[in-house]
Protein backbone atom coordinates (compact mmCIF):
# COMPACT_ATOMS: atom_id res chain seq x y z
CA MET A 1 44.31 75.79 31.71
CA ILE A 2 41.33 78.14 31.86
CA GLU A 3 42.12 81.80 32.37
CA ILE A 4 40.48 83.23 35.51
CA SER A 5 39.74 86.96 35.50
CA ASP A 6 40.33 89.25 38.45
CA ILE A 7 36.58 89.67 38.95
CA GLN A 8 36.19 85.89 39.22
CA LYS A 9 39.01 85.73 41.77
CA ILE A 10 37.27 88.42 43.81
CA GLY A 11 34.01 86.49 43.44
CA VAL A 12 35.58 83.33 44.82
CA GLY A 13 36.85 85.35 47.77
CA LEU A 14 33.44 86.96 48.37
CA ALA A 15 31.69 83.60 48.22
CA GLY A 16 34.27 82.12 50.57
CA PHE A 17 33.82 84.96 53.05
CA GLY A 18 30.06 84.53 52.70
CA MET A 19 30.28 80.86 53.58
CA THR A 20 32.56 81.75 56.52
CA PHE A 21 30.09 84.32 57.85
CA LEU A 22 27.24 81.85 57.42
CA PHE A 23 29.23 79.21 59.32
CA LEU A 24 30.04 81.67 62.11
CA GLY A 25 26.42 82.81 62.24
CA VAL A 26 25.24 79.25 62.75
CA LEU A 27 28.08 78.52 65.20
CA LEU A 28 27.21 81.58 67.28
CA LEU A 29 23.63 80.41 67.82
CA PHE A 30 22.10 81.76 64.64
CA ASP A 31 23.30 85.35 64.88
CA LYS A 32 21.05 87.32 62.56
CA GLY A 33 23.69 89.90 61.56
CA LEU A 34 26.35 87.37 60.59
CA LEU A 35 23.83 85.32 58.62
CA ALA A 36 22.63 88.40 56.72
CA ILE A 37 26.20 89.46 55.85
CA GLY A 38 27.03 85.89 54.81
CA ASN A 39 24.03 85.72 52.48
CA ILE A 40 24.87 89.05 50.84
CA LEU A 41 28.54 88.12 50.36
CA PHE A 42 27.70 84.68 48.97
CA ILE A 43 25.23 85.99 46.39
CA SER A 44 27.64 88.81 45.42
CA GLY A 45 30.46 86.32 45.01
CA LEU A 46 28.31 84.08 42.84
CA ALA A 47 27.40 87.06 40.65
CA CYS A 48 31.09 87.95 40.26
CA VAL A 49 32.10 84.40 39.37
CA ILE A 50 29.46 83.62 36.75
CA GLY A 51 28.19 87.13 35.89
CA ILE A 52 25.09 89.07 36.86
CA GLN A 53 22.94 87.98 33.93
CA ARG A 54 23.82 84.29 34.32
CA THR A 55 23.18 84.54 38.07
CA PHE A 56 19.72 85.99 37.40
CA PHE A 57 18.93 83.26 34.88
CA PHE A 58 20.32 80.62 37.24
CA PHE A 59 17.94 81.58 40.04
CA PHE A 60 14.87 82.28 37.94
CA GLN A 61 14.60 79.23 35.70
CA ARG A 62 11.13 77.73 35.57
CA HIS A 63 12.17 74.31 36.94
CA LYS A 64 14.10 75.92 39.84
CA ILE A 65 11.38 78.29 41.04
CA LYS A 66 10.55 76.18 44.13
CA ALA A 67 14.21 76.16 45.17
CA THR A 68 14.57 79.90 44.50
CA ILE A 69 11.52 80.69 46.62
CA ALA A 70 12.86 78.53 49.45
CA PHE A 71 16.33 80.12 49.25
CA PHE A 72 15.26 83.77 49.09
CA GLY A 73 12.36 83.11 51.45
CA GLY A 74 14.89 81.75 53.94
CA ILE A 75 16.98 84.91 53.59
CA THR A 76 13.86 87.00 54.19
CA ILE A 77 12.91 84.95 57.25
CA VAL A 78 16.44 85.43 58.65
CA LEU A 79 16.17 89.19 58.15
CA LEU A 80 12.75 89.25 59.83
CA GLY A 81 14.20 87.76 63.00
CA TRP A 82 13.65 83.99 62.79
CA PRO A 83 17.17 82.84 61.89
CA MET A 84 16.79 79.14 62.70
CA PHE A 85 13.71 78.67 60.53
CA GLY A 86 15.20 80.87 57.84
CA MET A 87 18.39 78.83 57.69
CA ILE A 88 16.41 75.59 57.40
CA ALA A 89 14.46 77.01 54.43
CA GLU A 90 17.63 78.47 52.98
CA MET A 91 19.56 75.19 53.22
CA TYR A 92 16.69 73.33 51.55
CA GLY A 93 16.67 75.85 48.70
CA PHE A 94 20.48 75.83 48.51
CA LEU A 95 20.61 72.05 48.13
CA LEU A 96 17.93 72.09 45.44
CA LEU A 97 19.57 74.96 43.56
CA PHE A 98 23.19 73.88 43.70
CA ARG A 99 23.06 70.08 43.62
CA GLY A 100 24.17 70.06 39.98
CA PHE A 101 26.61 72.95 40.47
CA LEU A 102 28.62 71.55 43.38
CA PRO A 103 30.83 69.20 41.31
CA ALA A 104 31.62 72.06 38.91
CA ALA A 105 32.47 74.33 41.87
CA VAL A 106 34.84 71.73 43.28
CA ASN A 107 36.56 71.40 39.89
CA PHE A 108 36.81 75.20 39.66
CA LEU A 109 38.38 75.40 43.10
CA ARG A 110 40.88 72.71 42.14
CA MET A 111 42.21 75.14 39.49
CA VAL A 112 43.13 77.68 42.19
CA PRO A 113 46.79 76.92 42.99
CA ILE A 114 46.51 77.29 46.78
CA VAL A 115 43.44 75.06 47.02
CA ASP A 116 45.04 72.50 44.72
CA ARG A 117 48.17 72.44 46.87
CA ILE A 118 46.12 72.03 50.08
CA ALA A 119 43.94 69.28 48.59
CA GLY A 120 46.97 67.31 47.47
CA ASP A 121 47.42 64.83 44.68
CA ASN A 122 44.20 62.87 45.27
CA GLY A 123 45.41 60.02 43.10
CA ARG A 124 45.73 61.95 39.84
CA ASN A 125 49.40 61.02 39.33
CA MET A 126 49.47 57.47 40.54
CA ASP A 127 52.81 55.72 40.31
CA THR A 128 52.33 52.51 38.33
CA SER A 129 55.86 51.21 38.85
CA MET A 130 55.00 49.35 42.06
C-alpha cells in the first residue's frame, strides 16, 4: 500500500471542501463568494496532494494551455461578477484539464479507508464458489 503523507491528507480534505463549496455555490444560484472560496480551496488541495511544482507544471503544459486559460479565465470571470458564465468556462477547462486525471483520483480515493468502506466491495472479491 502507498504511504500517504499528512500534507496529502490535508490536500484531499481541502479539495473535498473546495468541491463542496463549489457545489453549494451552484446550488445557491451561483453565489459568487462560495464559488470563489471553492476555487481557492480546490486549487490549494491539488497543490498539497501533488506538490506545488507539479501543480504548476500540470497547469502550464503546452498542450493544456487552452484548458488552463479556460479554467483560470472562468475563475476570473466569477470574481468579476459573472458567476454563471465563469462556471461554464471553468467546467469546460476542468474537463479538458482533468479528463486523464479523474481515473487516478478515483483510485487514490479508494485507498482512503473511509471512502473504501463507503464505496463497498465493487466486485473485487467475487465469490467463485457459486
